[in-house]
mmCIF file of all heavy atoms, coordinates in Angstrom:
data_MODEL
# 
_entry.id   MODEL 
# 
loop_
_atom_site.group_PDB 
_atom_site.id 
_atom_site.type_symbol 
_atom_site.label_atom_id 
_atom_site.label_alt_id 
_atom_site.label_comp_id 
_atom_site.label_asym_id 
_atom_site.label_entity_id 
_atom_site.label_seq_id 
_atom_site.pdbx_PDB_ins_code 
_atom_site.Cartn_x 
_atom_site.Cartn_y 
_atom_site.Cartn_z 
_atom_site.occupancy 
_atom_site.B_iso_or_equiv 
_atom_site.pdbx_formal_charge 
_atom_site.auth_seq_id 
_atom_site.auth_comp_id 
_atom_site.auth_asym_id 
_atom_site.auth_atom_id 
_atom_site.pdbx_PDB_model_num 
ATOM 1   N N   . ALA A 1 1  ? 157.211 142.803 -12.298 1.00 0.00 ? 1  ALA A N   1 
ATOM 2   C CA  . ALA A 1 1  ? 157.384 141.431 -12.774 1.00 0.00 ? 1  ALA A CA  1 
ATOM 3   C C   . ALA A 1 1  ? 157.718 140.531 -11.590 1.00 0.00 ? 1  ALA A C   1 
ATOM 4   O O   . ALA A 1 1  ? 158.267 140.981 -10.582 1.00 0.00 ? 1  ALA A O   1 
ATOM 5   C CB  . ALA A 1 1  ? 158.496 141.384 -13.813 1.00 0.00 ? 1  ALA A CB  1 
ATOM 6   N N   . GLY A 1 2  ? 157.404 139.251 -11.699 1.00 0.00 ? 2  GLY A N   1 
ATOM 7   C CA  . GLY A 1 2  ? 157.703 138.340 -10.592 1.00 0.00 ? 2  GLY A CA  1 
ATOM 8   C C   . GLY A 1 2  ? 157.040 136.992 -10.774 1.00 0.00 ? 2  GLY A C   1 
ATOM 9   O O   . GLY A 1 2  ? 156.404 136.719 -11.799 1.00 0.00 ? 2  GLY A O   1 
ATOM 10  N N   . SER A 1 3  ? 157.188 136.130 -9.773  1.00 0.00 ? 3  SER A N   1 
ATOM 11  C CA  . SER A 1 3  ? 156.636 134.776 -9.803  1.00 0.00 ? 3  SER A CA  1 
ATOM 12  C C   . SER A 1 3  ? 155.784 134.533 -8.564  1.00 0.00 ? 3  SER A C   1 
ATOM 13  O O   . SER A 1 3  ? 155.978 135.164 -7.520  1.00 0.00 ? 3  SER A O   1 
ATOM 14  C CB  . SER A 1 3  ? 157.759 133.738 -9.867  1.00 0.00 ? 3  SER A CB  1 
ATOM 15  O OG  . SER A 1 3  ? 158.536 133.901 -11.042 1.00 0.00 ? 3  SER A OG  1 
ATOM 16  N N   . PHE A 1 4  ? 154.841 133.615 -8.676  1.00 0.00 ? 4  PHE A N   1 
ATOM 17  C CA  . PHE A 1 4  ? 153.990 133.252 -7.542  1.00 0.00 ? 4  PHE A CA  1 
ATOM 18  C C   . PHE A 1 4  ? 153.409 131.865 -7.768  1.00 0.00 ? 4  PHE A C   1 
ATOM 19  O O   . PHE A 1 4  ? 153.510 131.301 -8.868  1.00 0.00 ? 4  PHE A O   1 
ATOM 20  C CB  . PHE A 1 4  ? 152.874 134.284 -7.345  1.00 0.00 ? 4  PHE A CB  1 
ATOM 21  C CG  . PHE A 1 4  ? 151.759 134.207 -8.370  1.00 0.00 ? 4  PHE A CG  1 
ATOM 22  C CD1 . PHE A 1 4  ? 150.494 133.750 -8.020  1.00 0.00 ? 4  PHE A CD1 1 
ATOM 23  C CD2 . PHE A 1 4  ? 151.961 134.598 -9.690  1.00 0.00 ? 4  PHE A CD2 1 
ATOM 24  C CE1 . PHE A 1 4  ? 149.458 133.687 -8.952  1.00 0.00 ? 4  PHE A CE1 1 
ATOM 25  C CE2 . PHE A 1 4  ? 150.942 134.534 -10.628 1.00 0.00 ? 4  PHE A CE2 1 
ATOM 26  C CZ  . PHE A 1 4  ? 149.684 134.078 -10.254 1.00 0.00 ? 4  PHE A CZ  1 
ATOM 27  N N   . GLN A 1 5  ? 152.798 131.319 -6.728  1.00 0.00 ? 5  GLN A N   1 
ATOM 28  C CA  . GLN A 1 5  ? 152.114 130.042 -6.816  1.00 0.00 ? 5  GLN A CA  1 
ATOM 29  C C   . GLN A 1 5  ? 150.636 130.309 -7.081  1.00 0.00 ? 5  GLN A C   1 
ATOM 30  O O   . GLN A 1 5  ? 149.939 130.904 -6.267  1.00 0.00 ? 5  GLN A O   1 
ATOM 31  C CB  . GLN A 1 5  ? 152.293 129.240 -5.526  1.00 0.00 ? 5  GLN A CB  1 
ATOM 32  C CG  . GLN A 1 5  ? 153.729 128.817 -5.257  1.00 0.00 ? 5  GLN A CG  1 
ATOM 33  C CD  . GLN A 1 5  ? 154.263 127.885 -6.336  1.00 0.00 ? 5  GLN A CD  1 
ATOM 34  O OE1 . GLN A 1 5  ? 153.693 126.819 -6.590  1.00 0.00 ? 5  GLN A OE1 1 
ATOM 35  N NE2 . GLN A 1 5  ? 155.351 128.278 -6.972  1.00 0.00 ? 5  GLN A NE2 1 
ATOM 36  N N   . MET A 1 6  ? 150.177 129.865 -8.243  1.00 0.00 ? 6  MET A N   1 
ATOM 37  C CA  . MET A 1 6  ? 148.809 130.138 -8.677  1.00 0.00 ? 6  MET A CA  1 
ATOM 38  C C   . MET A 1 6  ? 147.918 128.947 -8.390  1.00 0.00 ? 6  MET A C   1 
ATOM 39  O O   . MET A 1 6  ? 148.306 127.802 -8.607  1.00 0.00 ? 6  MET A O   1 
ATOM 40  C CB  . MET A 1 6  ? 148.799 130.461 -10.173 1.00 0.00 ? 6  MET A CB  1 
ATOM 41  C CG  . MET A 1 6  ? 147.440 130.886 -10.717 1.00 0.00 ? 6  MET A CG  1 
ATOM 42  S SD  . MET A 1 6  ? 147.601 131.456 -12.442 1.00 0.00 ? 6  MET A SD  1 
ATOM 43  C CE  . MET A 1 6  ? 145.907 131.933 -12.794 1.00 0.00 ? 6  MET A CE  1 
ATOM 44  N N   . GLY A 1 7  ? 146.699 129.220 -7.907  1.00 0.00 ? 7  GLY A N   1 
ATOM 45  C CA  . GLY A 1 7  ? 145.744 128.159 -7.646  1.00 0.00 ? 7  GLY A CA  1 
ATOM 46  C C   . GLY A 1 7  ? 145.696 127.771 -6.186  1.00 0.00 ? 7  GLY A C   1 
ATOM 47  O O   . GLY A 1 7  ? 146.321 128.393 -5.319  1.00 0.00 ? 7  GLY A O   1 
ATOM 48  N N   . SER A 1 8  ? 144.941 126.720 -5.903  1.00 0.00 ? 8  SER A N   1 
ATOM 49  C CA  . SER A 1 8  ? 144.768 126.248 -4.532  1.00 0.00 ? 8  SER A CA  1 
ATOM 50  C C   . SER A 1 8  ? 144.384 124.783 -4.547  1.00 0.00 ? 8  SER A C   1 
ATOM 51  O O   . SER A 1 8  ? 143.586 124.347 -5.385  1.00 0.00 ? 8  SER A O   1 
ATOM 52  C CB  . SER A 1 8  ? 143.677 127.058 -3.827  1.00 0.00 ? 8  SER A CB  1 
ATOM 53  O OG  . SER A 1 8  ? 143.362 126.507 -2.571  1.00 0.00 ? 8  SER A OG  1 
ATOM 54  N N   . ASN A 1 9  ? 144.961 124.025 -3.627  1.00 0.00 ? 9  ASN A N   1 
ATOM 55  C CA  . ASN A 1 9  ? 144.605 122.622 -3.460  1.00 0.00 ? 9  ASN A CA  1 
ATOM 56  C C   . ASN A 1 9  ? 143.661 122.427 -2.276  1.00 0.00 ? 9  ASN A C   1 
ATOM 57  O O   . ASN A 1 9  ? 143.534 121.335 -1.734  1.00 0.00 ? 9  ASN A O   1 
ATOM 58  C CB  . ASN A 1 9  ? 145.861 121.772 -3.253  1.00 0.00 ? 9  ASN A CB  1 
ATOM 59  C CG  . ASN A 1 9  ? 146.681 121.662 -4.528  1.00 0.00 ? 9  ASN A CG  1 
ATOM 60  O OD1 . ASN A 1 9  ? 146.144 121.682 -5.629  1.00 0.00 ? 9  ASN A OD1 1 
ATOM 61  N ND2 . ASN A 1 9  ? 148.002 121.566 -4.386  1.00 0.00 ? 9  ASN A ND2 1 
ATOM 62  N N   . THR A 1 10 ? 142.987 123.495 -1.869  1.00 0.00 ? 10 THR A N   1 
ATOM 63  C CA  . THR A 1 10 ? 142.085 123.445 -0.718  1.00 0.00 ? 10 THR A CA  1 
ATOM 64  C C   . THR A 1 10 ? 140.993 122.408 -0.941  1.00 0.00 ? 10 THR A C   1 
ATOM 65  O O   . THR A 1 10 ? 140.332 122.402 -1.990  1.00 0.00 ? 10 THR A O   1 
ATOM 66  C CB  . THR A 1 10 ? 141.441 124.823 -0.500  1.00 0.00 ? 10 THR A CB  1 
ATOM 67  O OG1 . THR A 1 10 ? 142.471 125.785 -0.311  1.00 0.00 ? 10 THR A OG1 1 
ATOM 68  C CG2 . THR A 1 10 ? 140.528 124.812 0.710   1.00 0.00 ? 10 THR A CG2 1 
ATOM 69  N N   . PRO A 1 11 ? 140.762 121.515 0.042   1.00 0.00 ? 11 PRO A N   1 
ATOM 70  C CA  . PRO A 1 11 ? 139.706 120.509 -0.104  1.00 0.00 ? 11 PRO A CA  1 
ATOM 71  C C   . PRO A 1 11 ? 138.323 121.133 0.012   1.00 0.00 ? 11 PRO A C   1 
ATOM 72  O O   . PRO A 1 11 ? 138.158 122.281 0.450   1.00 0.00 ? 11 PRO A O   1 
ATOM 73  C CB  . PRO A 1 11 ? 139.980 119.552 1.062   1.00 0.00 ? 11 PRO A CB  1 
ATOM 74  C CG  . PRO A 1 11 ? 140.672 120.401 2.082   1.00 0.00 ? 11 PRO A CG  1 
ATOM 75  C CD  . PRO A 1 11 ? 141.497 121.375 1.298   1.00 0.00 ? 11 PRO A CD  1 
ATOM 76  N N   . GLY A 1 12 ? 137.287 120.371 -0.370  1.00 0.00 ? 12 GLY A N   1 
ATOM 77  C CA  . GLY A 1 12 ? 135.917 120.837 -0.260  1.00 0.00 ? 12 GLY A CA  1 
ATOM 78  C C   . GLY A 1 12 ? 135.488 120.955 1.192   1.00 0.00 ? 12 GLY A C   1 
ATOM 79  O O   . GLY A 1 12 ? 136.154 120.480 2.109   1.00 0.00 ? 12 GLY A O   1 
ATOM 80  N N   . GLY A 1 13 ? 134.357 121.605 1.415   1.00 0.00 ? 13 GLY A N   1 
ATOM 81  C CA  . GLY A 1 13 ? 133.851 121.784 2.769   1.00 0.00 ? 13 GLY A CA  1 
ATOM 82  C C   . GLY A 1 13 ? 134.186 123.141 3.330   1.00 0.00 ? 13 GLY A C   1 
ATOM 83  O O   . GLY A 1 13 ? 135.116 123.818 2.881   1.00 0.00 ? 13 GLY A O   1 
ATOM 84  N N   . ALA A 1 14 ? 133.392 123.545 4.348   1.00 0.00 ? 14 ALA A N   1 
ATOM 85  C CA  . ALA A 1 14 ? 133.562 124.863 4.959   1.00 0.00 ? 14 ALA A CA  1 
ATOM 86  C C   . ALA A 1 14 ? 134.946 124.978 5.594   1.00 0.00 ? 14 ALA A C   1 
ATOM 87  O O   . ALA A 1 14 ? 135.510 123.989 6.048   1.00 0.00 ? 14 ALA A O   1 
ATOM 88  C CB  . ALA A 1 14 ? 132.469 125.083 6.007   1.00 0.00 ? 14 ALA A CB  1 
ATOM 89  N N   . PRO A 1 15 ? 135.529 126.182 5.647   1.00 0.00 ? 15 PRO A N   1 
ATOM 90  C CA  . PRO A 1 15 ? 134.937 127.448 5.190   1.00 0.00 ? 15 PRO A CA  1 
ATOM 91  C C   . PRO A 1 15 ? 135.306 127.841 3.763   1.00 0.00 ? 15 PRO A C   1 
ATOM 92  O O   . PRO A 1 15 ? 134.842 128.862 3.269   1.00 0.00 ? 15 PRO A O   1 
ATOM 93  C CB  . PRO A 1 15 ? 135.529 128.456 6.175   1.00 0.00 ? 15 PRO A CB  1 
ATOM 94  C CG  . PRO A 1 15 ? 136.911 127.933 6.420   1.00 0.00 ? 15 PRO A CG  1 
ATOM 95  C CD  . PRO A 1 15 ? 136.782 126.436 6.428   1.00 0.00 ? 15 PRO A CD  1 
ATOM 96  N N   . TYR A 1 16 ? 136.151 127.028 3.081   1.00 0.00 ? 16 TYR A N   1 
ATOM 97  C CA  . TYR A 1 16 ? 136.671 127.469 1.785   1.00 0.00 ? 16 TYR A CA  1 
ATOM 98  C C   . TYR A 1 16 ? 135.994 126.811 0.586   1.00 0.00 ? 16 TYR A C   1 
ATOM 99  O O   . TYR A 1 16 ? 135.984 127.376 -0.506  1.00 0.00 ? 16 TYR A O   1 
ATOM 100 C CB  . TYR A 1 16 ? 138.176 127.219 1.709   1.00 0.00 ? 16 TYR A CB  1 
ATOM 101 C CG  . TYR A 1 16 ? 138.955 127.914 2.796   1.00 0.00 ? 16 TYR A CG  1 
ATOM 102 C CD1 . TYR A 1 16 ? 139.780 127.199 3.664   1.00 0.00 ? 16 TYR A CD1 1 
ATOM 103 C CD2 . TYR A 1 16 ? 138.858 129.287 2.976   1.00 0.00 ? 16 TYR A CD2 1 
ATOM 104 C CE1 . TYR A 1 16 ? 140.490 127.830 4.667   1.00 0.00 ? 16 TYR A CE1 1 
ATOM 105 C CE2 . TYR A 1 16 ? 139.562 129.934 3.984   1.00 0.00 ? 16 TYR A CE2 1 
ATOM 106 C CZ  . TYR A 1 16 ? 140.376 129.198 4.831   1.00 0.00 ? 16 TYR A CZ  1 
ATOM 107 O OH  . TYR A 1 16 ? 141.079 129.825 5.823   1.00 0.00 ? 16 TYR A OH  1 
ATOM 108 N N   . PHE A 1 17 ? 135.453 125.587 0.774   1.00 0.00 ? 17 PHE A N   1 
ATOM 109 C CA  . PHE A 1 17 ? 134.745 124.890 -0.295  1.00 0.00 ? 17 PHE A CA  1 
ATOM 110 C C   . PHE A 1 17 ? 135.594 124.835 -1.564  1.00 0.00 ? 17 PHE A C   1 
ATOM 111 O O   . PHE A 1 17 ? 135.190 125.271 -2.645  1.00 0.00 ? 17 PHE A O   1 
ATOM 112 C CB  . PHE A 1 17 ? 133.401 125.568 -0.581  1.00 0.00 ? 17 PHE A CB  1 
ATOM 113 C CG  . PHE A 1 17 ? 132.472 125.581 0.604   1.00 0.00 ? 17 PHE A CG  1 
ATOM 114 C CD1 . PHE A 1 17 ? 132.422 126.669 1.466   1.00 0.00 ? 17 PHE A CD1 1 
ATOM 115 C CD2 . PHE A 1 17 ? 131.678 124.475 0.879   1.00 0.00 ? 17 PHE A CD2 1 
ATOM 116 C CE1 . PHE A 1 17 ? 131.588 126.678 2.567   1.00 0.00 ? 17 PHE A CE1 1 
ATOM 117 C CE2 . PHE A 1 17 ? 130.831 124.479 1.992   1.00 0.00 ? 17 PHE A CE2 1 
ATOM 118 C CZ  . PHE A 1 17 ? 130.784 125.581 2.834   1.00 0.00 ? 17 PHE A CZ  1 
ATOM 119 N N   . GLY A 1 18 ? 136.811 124.317 -1.419  1.00 0.00 ? 18 GLY A N   1 
ATOM 120 C CA  . GLY A 1 18 ? 137.711 124.202 -2.561  1.00 0.00 ? 18 GLY A CA  1 
ATOM 121 C C   . GLY A 1 18 ? 137.152 123.300 -3.642  1.00 0.00 ? 18 GLY A C   1 
ATOM 122 O O   . GLY A 1 18 ? 136.310 122.435 -3.387  1.00 0.00 ? 18 GLY A O   1 
ATOM 123 N N   . ASP A 1 19 ? 137.600 123.481 -4.868  1.00 0.00 ? 19 ASP A N   1 
ATOM 124 C CA  . ASP A 1 19 ? 137.142 122.645 -5.980  1.00 0.00 ? 19 ASP A CA  1 
ATOM 125 C C   . ASP A 1 19 ? 138.279 122.453 -6.969  1.00 0.00 ? 19 ASP A C   1 
ATOM 126 O O   . ASP A 1 19 ? 139.314 123.121 -6.897  1.00 0.00 ? 19 ASP A O   1 
ATOM 127 C CB  . ASP A 1 19 ? 135.920 123.259 -6.662  1.00 0.00 ? 19 ASP A CB  1 
ATOM 128 C CG  . ASP A 1 19 ? 136.224 124.599 -7.301  1.00 0.00 ? 19 ASP A CG  1 
ATOM 129 O OD1 . ASP A 1 19 ? 136.730 124.600 -8.438  1.00 0.00 ? 19 ASP A OD1 1 
ATOM 130 O OD2 . ASP A 1 19 ? 135.975 125.636 -6.659  1.00 0.00 ? 19 ASP A OD2 1 
ATOM 131 N N   . SER A 1 20 ? 138.066 121.555 -7.901  1.00 0.00 ? 20 SER A N   1 
ATOM 132 C CA  . SER A 1 20 ? 139.146 121.134 -8.803  1.00 0.00 ? 20 SER A CA  1 
ATOM 133 C C   . SER A 1 20 ? 139.544 122.217 -9.797  1.00 0.00 ? 20 SER A C   1 
ATOM 134 O O   . SER A 1 20 ? 140.617 122.134 -10.404 1.00 0.00 ? 20 SER A O   1 
ATOM 135 C CB  . SER A 1 20 ? 138.726 119.874 -9.563  1.00 0.00 ? 20 SER A CB  1 
ATOM 136 O OG  . SER A 1 20 ? 137.570 120.123 -10.351 1.00 0.00 ? 20 SER A OG  1 
ATOM 137 N N   . THR A 1 21 ? 138.700 123.245 -10.020 1.00 0.00 ? 21 THR A N   1 
ATOM 138 C CA  . THR A 1 21 ? 139.041 124.257 -11.027 1.00 0.00 ? 21 THR A CA  1 
ATOM 139 C C   . THR A 1 21 ? 140.276 125.068 -10.638 1.00 0.00 ? 21 THR A C   1 
ATOM 140 O O   . THR A 1 21 ? 140.913 125.673 -11.508 1.00 0.00 ? 21 THR A O   1 
ATOM 141 C CB  . THR A 1 21 ? 137.872 125.236 -11.256 1.00 0.00 ? 21 THR A CB  1 
ATOM 142 O OG1 . THR A 1 21 ? 137.606 125.960 -10.055 1.00 0.00 ? 21 THR A OG1 1 
ATOM 143 C CG2 . THR A 1 21 ? 136.622 124.488 -11.700 1.00 0.00 ? 21 THR A CG2 1 
ATOM 144 N N   . THR A 1 22 ? 140.615 125.087 -9.338  1.00 0.00 ? 22 THR A N   1 
ATOM 145 C CA  . THR A 1 22 ? 141.789 125.853 -8.895  1.00 0.00 ? 22 THR A CA  1 
ATOM 146 C C   . THR A 1 22 ? 143.042 124.982 -8.817  1.00 0.00 ? 22 THR A C   1 
ATOM 147 O O   . THR A 1 22 ? 144.090 125.462 -8.369  1.00 0.00 ? 22 THR A O   1 
ATOM 148 C CB  . THR A 1 22 ? 141.530 126.489 -7.519  1.00 0.00 ? 22 THR A CB  1 
ATOM 149 O OG1 . THR A 1 22 ? 141.395 125.456 -6.540  1.00 0.00 ? 22 THR A OG1 1 
ATOM 150 C CG2 . THR A 1 22 ? 140.273 127.345 -7.535  1.00 0.00 ? 22 THR A CG2 1 
ATOM 151 N N   . GLN A 1 23 ? 142.946 123.740 -9.242  1.00 0.00 ? 23 GLN A N   1 
ATOM 152 C CA  . GLN A 1 23 ? 144.056 122.789 -9.128  1.00 0.00 ? 23 GLN A CA  1 
ATOM 153 C C   . GLN A 1 23 ? 144.614 122.467 -10.508 1.00 0.00 ? 23 GLN A C   1 
ATOM 154 O O   . GLN A 1 23 ? 143.896 122.535 -11.509 1.00 0.00 ? 23 GLN A O   1 
ATOM 155 C CB  . GLN A 1 23 ? 143.561 121.514 -8.444  1.00 0.00 ? 23 GLN A CB  1 
ATOM 156 C CG  . GLN A 1 23 ? 142.992 121.749 -7.061  1.00 0.00 ? 23 GLN A CG  1 
ATOM 157 C CD  . GLN A 1 23 ? 142.327 120.510 -6.487  1.00 0.00 ? 23 GLN A CD  1 
ATOM 158 O OE1 . GLN A 1 23 ? 142.390 119.426 -7.052  1.00 0.00 ? 23 GLN A OE1 1 
ATOM 159 N NE2 . GLN A 1 23 ? 141.655 120.671 -5.353  1.00 0.00 ? 23 GLN A NE2 1 
ATOM 160 N N   . PRO A 1 24 ? 145.894 122.066 -10.565 1.00 0.00 ? 24 PRO A N   1 
ATOM 161 C CA  . PRO A 1 24 ? 146.843 122.008 -9.462  1.00 0.00 ? 24 PRO A CA  1 
ATOM 162 C C   . PRO A 1 24 ? 147.482 123.375 -9.201  1.00 0.00 ? 24 PRO A C   1 
ATOM 163 O O   . PRO A 1 24 ? 147.522 124.243 -10.086 1.00 0.00 ? 24 PRO A O   1 
ATOM 164 C CB  . PRO A 1 24 ? 147.887 121.023 -9.976  1.00 0.00 ? 24 PRO A CB  1 
ATOM 165 C CG  . PRO A 1 24 ? 147.914 121.290 -11.460 1.00 0.00 ? 24 PRO A CG  1 
ATOM 166 C CD  . PRO A 1 24 ? 146.488 121.584 -11.831 1.00 0.00 ? 24 PRO A CD  1 
ATOM 167 N N   . VAL A 1 25 ? 148.002 123.537 -8.001  1.00 0.00 ? 25 VAL A N   1 
ATOM 168 C CA  . VAL A 1 25 ? 148.830 124.712 -7.731  1.00 0.00 ? 25 VAL A CA  1 
ATOM 169 C C   . VAL A 1 25 ? 150.072 124.619 -8.611  1.00 0.00 ? 25 VAL A C   1 
ATOM 170 O O   . VAL A 1 25 ? 150.676 123.552 -8.730  1.00 0.00 ? 25 VAL A O   1 
ATOM 171 C CB  . VAL A 1 25 ? 149.221 124.767 -6.241  1.00 0.00 ? 25 VAL A CB  1 
ATOM 172 C CG1 . VAL A 1 25 ? 150.203 125.909 -6.000  1.00 0.00 ? 25 VAL A CG1 1 
ATOM 173 C CG2 . VAL A 1 25 ? 147.980 124.943 -5.375  1.00 0.00 ? 25 VAL A CG2 1 
ATOM 174 N N   . HIS A 1 26 ? 150.442 125.696 -9.255  1.00 0.00 ? 26 HIS A N   1 
ATOM 175 C CA  . HIS A 1 26 ? 151.571 125.672 -10.177 1.00 0.00 ? 26 HIS A CA  1 
ATOM 176 C C   . HIS A 1 26 ? 152.286 127.018 -10.156 1.00 0.00 ? 26 HIS A C   1 
ATOM 177 O O   . HIS A 1 26 ? 151.703 128.060 -9.826  1.00 0.00 ? 26 HIS A O   1 
ATOM 178 C CB  . HIS A 1 26 ? 151.111 125.341 -11.600 1.00 0.00 ? 26 HIS A CB  1 
ATOM 179 C CG  . HIS A 1 26 ? 150.032 126.229 -12.126 1.00 0.00 ? 26 HIS A CG  1 
ATOM 180 N ND1 . HIS A 1 26 ? 148.742 126.258 -11.614 1.00 0.00 ? 26 HIS A ND1 1 
ATOM 181 C CD2 . HIS A 1 26 ? 150.039 127.154 -13.128 1.00 0.00 ? 26 HIS A CD2 1 
ATOM 182 C CE1 . HIS A 1 26 ? 148.009 127.134 -12.264 1.00 0.00 ? 26 HIS A CE1 1 
ATOM 183 N NE2 . HIS A 1 26 ? 148.777 127.702 -13.185 1.00 0.00 ? 26 HIS A NE2 1 
ATOM 184 N N   . SER A 1 27 ? 153.537 126.982 -10.506 1.00 0.00 ? 27 SER A N   1 
ATOM 185 C CA  . SER A 1 27 ? 154.363 128.184 -10.483 1.00 0.00 ? 27 SER A CA  1 
ATOM 186 C C   . SER A 1 27 ? 154.126 128.995 -11.753 1.00 0.00 ? 27 SER A C   1 
ATOM 187 O O   . SER A 1 27 ? 154.172 128.464 -12.871 1.00 0.00 ? 27 SER A O   1 
ATOM 188 C CB  . SER A 1 27 ? 155.841 127.807 -10.377 1.00 0.00 ? 27 SER A CB  1 
ATOM 189 O OG  . SER A 1 27 ? 156.651 128.968 -10.414 1.00 0.00 ? 27 SER A OG  1 
ATOM 190 N N   . VAL A 1 28 ? 153.870 130.281 -11.577 1.00 0.00 ? 28 VAL A N   1 
ATOM 191 C CA  . VAL A 1 28 ? 153.632 131.189 -12.703 1.00 0.00 ? 28 VAL A CA  1 
ATOM 192 C C   . VAL A 1 28 ? 154.599 132.371 -12.602 1.00 0.00 ? 28 VAL A C   1 
ATOM 193 O O   . VAL A 1 28 ? 154.770 132.952 -11.528 1.00 0.00 ? 28 VAL A O   1 
ATOM 194 C CB  . VAL A 1 28 ? 152.181 131.706 -12.709 1.00 0.00 ? 28 VAL A CB  1 
ATOM 195 C CG1 . VAL A 1 28 ? 151.996 132.802 -13.758 1.00 0.00 ? 28 VAL A CG1 1 
ATOM 196 C CG2 . VAL A 1 28 ? 151.211 130.566 -12.968 1.00 0.00 ? 28 VAL A CG2 1 
ATOM 197 N N   . THR A 1 29 ? 155.201 132.695 -13.716 1.00 0.00 ? 29 THR A N   1 
ATOM 198 C CA  . THR A 1 29 ? 156.065 133.877 -13.804 1.00 0.00 ? 29 THR A CA  1 
ATOM 199 C C   . THR A 1 29 ? 155.413 134.908 -14.703 1.00 0.00 ? 29 THR A C   1 
ATOM 200 O O   . THR A 1 29 ? 154.995 134.593 -15.826 1.00 0.00 ? 29 THR A O   1 
ATOM 201 C CB  . THR A 1 29 ? 157.452 133.511 -14.354 1.00 0.00 ? 29 THR A CB  1 
ATOM 202 O OG1 . THR A 1 29 ? 158.102 132.629 -13.438 1.00 0.00 ? 29 THR A OG1 1 
ATOM 203 C CG2 . THR A 1 29 ? 158.311 134.760 -14.541 1.00 0.00 ? 29 THR A CG2 1 
# 
């Protein structure tokens, strides 16, 4: 059991090509 930060606010463009589906980063237990 534990907690972590889920998601990513990485912007678009190489090398990660972030997108809105991973936003917002939020705390999950």
